[in-house]
């Protein structure tokens, strides 16, 4: 299988590494706006070559993987639509699905039926291909959100590929995916970014960071993620994320009122509910 990886960051690089280590692809070519990313992939043996354009990378590929920030995918899809082979299948690694599906439907024409939207719920705080890990998807959940037009054989091939990389598959509707991920992924990232930005604006920022303990580091670890990628995710899922933000702001206002009133019982009940929910989640074996 000849594969084209469009976007040579952490996820694209890790998928290339997984395909390489598991001998799932006979030839891997990469494309990235930053040509140095592809060069590093070739140097590390993750890629067999780099392409000068997305269209060149997709030409003659059996599998095309869109691994860019979701905001770049509409233009990328338009670039490759005319060069896809008649049997090529496509997938993406985007953290939002409804917008990507709409862009693919608009750009791909008849090839849309061979597009399988997917979202590997995996990653790391350090972006870039230099942090690629062939085992990044081992044990993780990959959500697929097939459209009514998605060909069953294309869906089966993409899901089989993810299973070969060690992942579990969860199928759902794109709207449900975006609503749930707004709560358990997109909102936490926004909160981590906001907290770090708030601290960064203080005159004693270094003093505060020096005294930060493990809890702070655990909570803010994800704020080291790619700013461009998360800007695109936030905007692409703005409606669902906005709803989650409004709910969270209301919760913070309730906490502020409890603090002002010295309502120890209410605070303890809230903290206990959160603590029990987190322990139950951990016991169930779910990843973060």
Protein backbone atom coordinates (compact mmCIF):
# COMPACT_ATOMS: atom_id res chain seq x y z
CA UNK A 1 0.00 0.00 0.00
CA UNK A 2 1.31 3.42 -0.99
CA UNK A 3 0.37 6.05 1.57
CA UNK A 4 0.50 9.85 1.47
CA UNK A 5 0.66 11.72 4.78
CA UNK A 6 -0.48 15.31 4.33
CA UNK A 7 0.75 17.12 7.42
CA UNK A 8 3.92 15.90 9.08
CA UNK A 9 3.34 16.88 12.69
CA UNK A 10 3.00 14.70 15.76
CA UNK A 11 -0.07 12.76 14.64
CA UNK A 12 0.88 12.46 10.98
CA UNK A 13 4.43 11.50 11.90
CA UNK A 14 3.23 8.98 14.48
CA UNK A 15 0.88 7.36 11.98
CA UNK A 16 3.73 7.15 9.47
CA UNK A 17 5.89 5.56 12.18
CA UNK A 18 3.11 3.10 13.05
CA UNK A 19 2.58 2.13 9.41
CA UNK A 20 6.31 1.71 8.98
CA UNK A 21 6.96 -0.34 12.12
CA UNK A 22 3.99 -2.63 11.44
CA UNK A 23 4.83 -3.00 7.73
CA UNK A 24 1.41 -1.73 6.71
CA UNK A 25 2.72 0.43 3.88
CA UNK A 26 5.23 -0.30 1.15
CA UNK A 27 5.88 3.37 0.36
CA UNK A 28 5.27 6.48 2.46
CA UNK A 29 5.45 9.99 1.07
CA UNK A 30 4.87 13.14 3.08
CA UNK A 31 3.80 16.69 2.38
CA UNK A 32 3.88 19.67 4.71
CA UNK A 33 3.91 23.43 4.25
CA UNK A 34 7.12 23.30 6.27
CA UNK A 35 9.37 21.28 3.97
CA UNK A 36 11.80 20.77 6.85
CA UNK A 37 9.23 18.59 8.63
CA UNK A 38 9.18 16.17 5.69
CA UNK A 39 12.96 16.25 5.49
CA UNK A 40 13.17 15.23 9.14
CA UNK A 41 10.74 12.42 8.43
CA UNK A 42 12.95 11.13 5.62
CA UNK A 43 16.07 11.45 7.77
CA UNK A 44 14.43 9.45 10.58
CA UNK A 45 13.31 6.74 8.16
CA UNK A 46 9.60 7.43 8.72
CA UNK A 47 9.07 8.59 5.14
CA UNK A 48 10.45 7.35 1.85
CA UNK A 49 10.21 10.77 0.28
CA UNK A 50 8.62 14.21 0.36
CA UNK A 51 6.39 15.91 -2.19
CA UNK A 52 6.44 19.50 -3.38
CA UNK A 53 2.64 19.74 -3.22
CA UNK A 54 -0.34 17.97 -1.71
CA UNK A 55 -1.51 16.99 -5.19
CA UNK A 56 1.85 15.41 -5.99
CA UNK A 57 1.81 13.46 -2.73
CA UNK A 58 -1.72 12.15 -3.33
CA UNK A 59 -1.08 11.10 -6.91
CA UNK A 60 -0.81 7.28 -7.19
CA UNK A 61 -1.45 6.86 -3.43
CA UNK A 62 -3.70 4.03 -2.24
CA UNK A 63 -4.25 5.81 1.07
CA UNK A 64 -4.33 9.56 1.65
CA UNK A 65 -4.26 10.82 5.23
CA UNK A 66 -5.09 14.44 6.10
CA UNK A 67 -3.13 15.21 9.26
CA UNK A 68 -3.14 19.01 9.21
CA UNK A 69 -5.02 21.39 11.52
CA UNK A 70 -8.71 21.22 10.59
CA UNK A 71 -8.72 24.80 9.33
CA UNK A 72 -6.32 23.81 6.53
CA UNK A 73 -8.30 20.78 5.37
CA UNK A 74 -10.82 22.46 2.99
CA UNK A 75 -8.03 23.92 0.87
CA UNK A 76 -6.06 20.69 1.05
CA UNK A 77 -9.04 18.65 -0.12
CA UNK A 78 -9.53 21.01 -3.06
CA UNK A 79 -5.88 20.61 -4.04
CA UNK A 80 -5.93 16.81 -4.14
CA UNK A 81 -9.42 16.18 -5.53
CA UNK A 82 -8.30 16.09 -9.16
CA UNK A 83 -5.31 13.81 -8.61
CA UNK A 84 -6.85 10.95 -6.64
CA UNK A 85 -6.72 7.50 -8.16
CA UNK A 86 -10.04 5.71 -8.79
CA UNK A 87 -9.43 3.28 -5.92
CA UNK A 88 -7.71 5.60 -3.43
CA UNK A 89 -9.26 5.86 0.03
CA UNK A 90 -8.94 8.90 2.26
CA UNK A 91 -9.16 9.61 5.94
CA UNK A 92 -8.37 12.47 8.30
CA UNK A 93 -7.11 12.82 11.85
CA UNK A 94 -9.09 15.93 12.74
CA UNK A 95 -10.53 16.62 16.18
CA UNK A 96 -13.76 17.97 14.70
CA UNK A 97 -15.84 16.05 12.22
CA UNK A 98 -18.93 17.86 10.90
CA UNK A 99 -16.89 20.67 9.32
CA UNK A 100 -14.38 18.28 7.75
CA UNK A 101 -17.14 16.09 6.31
CA UNK A 102 -18.83 19.15 4.80
CA UNK A 103 -15.54 20.27 3.24
CA UNK A 104 -14.85 16.80 1.86
CA UNK A 105 -18.34 16.53 0.37
CA UNK A 106 -17.86 19.90 -1.34
CA UNK A 107 -14.37 19.21 -2.69
CA UNK A 108 -14.18 15.54 -3.54
CA UNK A 109 -17.20 14.95 -5.75
CA UNK A 110 -17.58 11.23 -6.56
CA UNK A 111 -14.51 10.42 -4.44
CA UNK A 112 -16.39 11.53 -1.31
CA UNK A 113 -17.75 7.99 -0.93
CA UNK A 114 -14.17 6.81 -0.33
CA UNK A 115 -13.54 9.37 2.45
CA UNK A 116 -13.69 7.92 5.97
CA UNK A 117 -13.67 10.60 8.71
CA UNK A 118 -11.70 9.49 11.75
CA UNK A 119 -10.37 10.98 14.97
CA UNK A 120 -7.66 9.21 16.97
CA UNK A 121 -8.06 10.34 20.56
CA UNK A 122 -4.34 10.44 21.15
CA UNK A 123 -1.60 12.99 21.19
CA UNK A 124 1.01 14.64 23.35
CA UNK A 125 1.91 18.04 24.69
CA UNK A 126 4.96 18.35 22.43
CA UNK A 127 4.01 19.02 18.80
CA UNK A 128 6.12 18.12 15.79
CA UNK A 129 7.31 15.08 13.88
CA UNK A 130 10.45 14.87 16.02
CA UNK A 131 8.18 13.57 18.80
CA UNK A 132 6.52 10.93 16.60
CA UNK A 133 5.81 7.64 18.36
CA UNK A 134 4.98 4.41 16.48
CA UNK A 135 3.00 3.21 19.51
CA UNK A 136 1.03 6.43 20.04
CA UNK A 137 -2.22 4.79 18.96
CA UNK A 138 -1.71 1.58 20.93
CA UNK A 139 -4.73 1.20 23.22
CA UNK A 140 -6.31 4.51 22.21
CA UNK A 141 -9.81 5.02 20.85
CA UNK A 142 -10.27 6.06 17.24
CA UNK A 143 -13.69 7.50 16.48
CA UNK A 144 -14.99 7.01 12.94
CA UNK A 145 -17.96 9.07 11.77
CA UNK A 146 -18.99 7.60 8.42
CA UNK A 147 -21.46 9.50 6.29
CA UNK A 148 -24.47 7.81 4.66
CA UNK A 149 -22.50 7.92 1.39
CA UNK A 150 -19.36 6.32 2.81
CA UNK A 151 -18.59 3.05 1.07
CA UNK A 152 -18.62 0.09 3.49
CA UNK A 153 -15.41 -1.36 2.04
CA UNK A 154 -13.56 1.94 2.53
CA UNK A 155 -14.82 2.14 6.13
CA UNK A 156 -13.74 -1.42 6.82
CA UNK A 157 -10.26 -0.82 5.40
CA UNK A 158 -9.66 2.31 7.46
CA UNK A 159 -10.95 0.71 10.65
CA UNK A 160 -8.80 -2.38 10.01
CA UNK A 161 -5.77 -0.13 9.57
CA UNK A 162 -6.42 1.58 12.90
CA UNK A 163 -6.86 -1.76 14.63
CA UNK A 164 -3.55 -2.89 13.16
CA UNK A 165 -2.01 0.18 14.81
CA UNK A 166 -3.38 -1.01 18.17
CA UNK A 167 -6.47 1.21 18.41
CA UNK A 168 -10.06 0.51 19.42
CA UNK A 169 -12.84 1.71 17.12
CA UNK A 170 -15.91 3.69 18.16
CA UNK A 171 -18.42 4.65 15.49
CA UNK A 172 -20.77 7.60 15.99
CA UNK A 173 -22.48 10.44 14.19
CA UNK A 174 -20.36 13.51 13.48
CA UNK A 175 -22.63 15.86 15.45
CA UNK A 176 -22.53 13.60 18.50
CA UNK A 177 -18.74 13.41 18.24
CA UNK A 178 -18.37 17.18 18.12
CA UNK A 179 -20.76 17.71 21.03
CA UNK A 180 -19.05 15.18 23.30
CA UNK A 181 -15.50 16.18 22.39
CA UNK A 182 -16.36 19.82 23.08
CA UNK A 183 -16.91 18.77 26.69
CA UNK A 184 -14.12 16.27 27.35
CA UNK A 185 -11.36 17.55 25.05
CA UNK A 186 -11.87 21.00 23.57
CA UNK A 187 -13.06 22.72 26.77
CA UNK A 188 -10.20 21.32 28.91
CA UNK A 189 -7.66 22.60 26.38
CA UNK A 190 -9.27 26.05 26.33
CA UNK A 191 -9.24 26.15 30.14
CA UNK A 192 -5.57 25.17 30.29
CA UNK A 193 -4.65 27.79 27.68
CA UNK A 194 -6.69 30.43 29.53
CA UNK A 195 -5.11 29.70 32.91
CA UNK A 196 -1.57 29.89 31.52
CA UNK A 197 -2.38 33.07 29.61
CA UNK A 198 -3.85 34.64 32.76
CA UNK A 199 -0.74 33.77 34.76
CA UNK A 200 1.55 34.92 31.96
CA UNK A 201 0.04 38.39 32.25
CA UNK A 202 0.97 38.77 35.93
CA UNK A 203 4.08 40.75 36.96
CA UNK A 204 5.30 37.88 39.16
CA UNK A 205 4.73 35.16 36.57
CA UNK A 206 8.10 33.49 37.11
CA UNK A 207 7.63 33.45 40.87
CA UNK A 208 4.25 31.76 40.46
CA UNK A 209 5.55 29.16 38.04
CA UNK A 210 8.49 28.39 40.33
CA UNK A 211 6.07 27.47 43.10
CA UNK A 212 3.72 25.45 40.89
CA UNK A 213 3.36 21.84 41.99
CA UNK A 214 2.41 18.56 40.32
CA UNK A 215 -1.28 19.40 40.23
CA UNK A 216 -0.61 22.54 38.22
CA UNK A 217 1.71 20.68 35.87
CA UNK A 218 -0.85 17.90 35.33
CA UNK A 219 -3.67 20.34 34.62
CA UNK A 220 -1.69 22.62 32.30
CA UNK A 221 0.34 19.96 30.45
CA UNK A 222 -1.96 20.18 27.43
CA UNK A 223 -1.40 23.94 27.14
CA UNK A 224 1.95 23.16 25.49
CA UNK A 225 0.03 21.80 22.48
CA UNK A 226 0.01 23.46 19.06
CA UNK A 227 -1.66 26.86 19.21
CA UNK A 228 -2.59 26.76 15.51
CA UNK A 229 -4.18 23.33 15.78
CA UNK A 230 -6.27 24.28 18.81
CA UNK A 231 -7.25 27.66 17.34
CA UNK A 232 -8.71 25.77 14.38
CA UNK A 233 -10.46 23.21 16.59
CA UNK A 234 -12.03 25.91 18.77
CA UNK A 235 -13.34 27.84 15.76
CA UNK A 236 -14.52 24.75 13.90
CA UNK A 237 -16.54 23.57 16.91
CA UNK A 238 -17.47 27.01 18.20
CA UNK A 239 -21.17 26.30 18.72
CA UNK A 240 -20.75 23.20 20.89
CA UNK A 241 -17.68 24.64 22.63
CA UNK A 242 -19.49 27.90 23.32
CA UNK A 243 -22.31 26.00 24.99
CA UNK A 244 -19.84 24.12 27.19
CA UNK A 245 -18.05 27.36 28.07
CA UNK A 246 -21.30 29.02 29.13
CA UNK A 247 -22.10 26.08 31.37
CA UNK A 248 -18.63 26.20 32.89
CA UNK A 249 -18.81 29.96 33.49
CA UNK A 250 -22.11 29.42 35.31
CA UNK A 251 -20.43 26.77 37.48
CA UNK A 252 -17.57 29.15 38.30
CA UNK A 253 -20.06 31.83 39.28
CA UNK A 254 -21.78 29.36 41.63
CA UNK A 255 -18.38 28.52 43.17
CA UNK A 256 -17.59 32.21 43.62
CA UNK A 257 -20.91 32.74 45.38
CA UNK A 258 -20.27 29.75 47.67
CA UNK A 259 -16.83 31.13 48.55
CA UNK A 260 -18.27 34.56 49.29
CA UNK A 261 -20.97 33.02 51.48
CA UNK A 262 -18.53 30.63 53.17
CA UNK A 263 -20.76 27.70 52.14
CA UNK A 264 -18.48 24.81 53.11
CA UNK A 265 -21.16 22.15 52.66
CA UNK A 266 -21.93 23.14 49.05
CA UNK A 267 -18.23 23.25 48.15
CA UNK A 268 -17.59 19.86 49.74
CA UNK A 269 -20.50 18.29 47.87
CA UNK A 270 -19.27 19.71 44.57
CA UNK A 271 -15.70 18.57 45.16
CA UNK A 272 -16.88 15.13 46.30
CA UNK A 273 -19.01 14.69 43.16
CA UNK A 274 -16.04 15.62 40.98
CA UNK A 275 -13.69 13.35 42.94
CA UNK A 276 -16.01 10.34 42.72
CA UNK A 277 -16.58 10.92 39.00
CA UNK A 278 -12.84 11.06 38.32
CA UNK A 279 -12.13 7.90 40.35
CA UNK A 280 -14.93 6.04 38.59
CA UNK A 281 -13.53 7.10 35.22
CA UNK A 282 -10.04 5.87 36.17
CA UNK A 283 -11.37 2.54 37.44
CA UNK A 284 -13.16 2.06 34.14
CA UNK A 285 -9.87 2.14 32.34
CA UNK A 286 -10.63 5.17 30.18
CA UNK A 287 -7.76 7.30 28.95
CA UNK A 288 -7.57 11.02 29.42
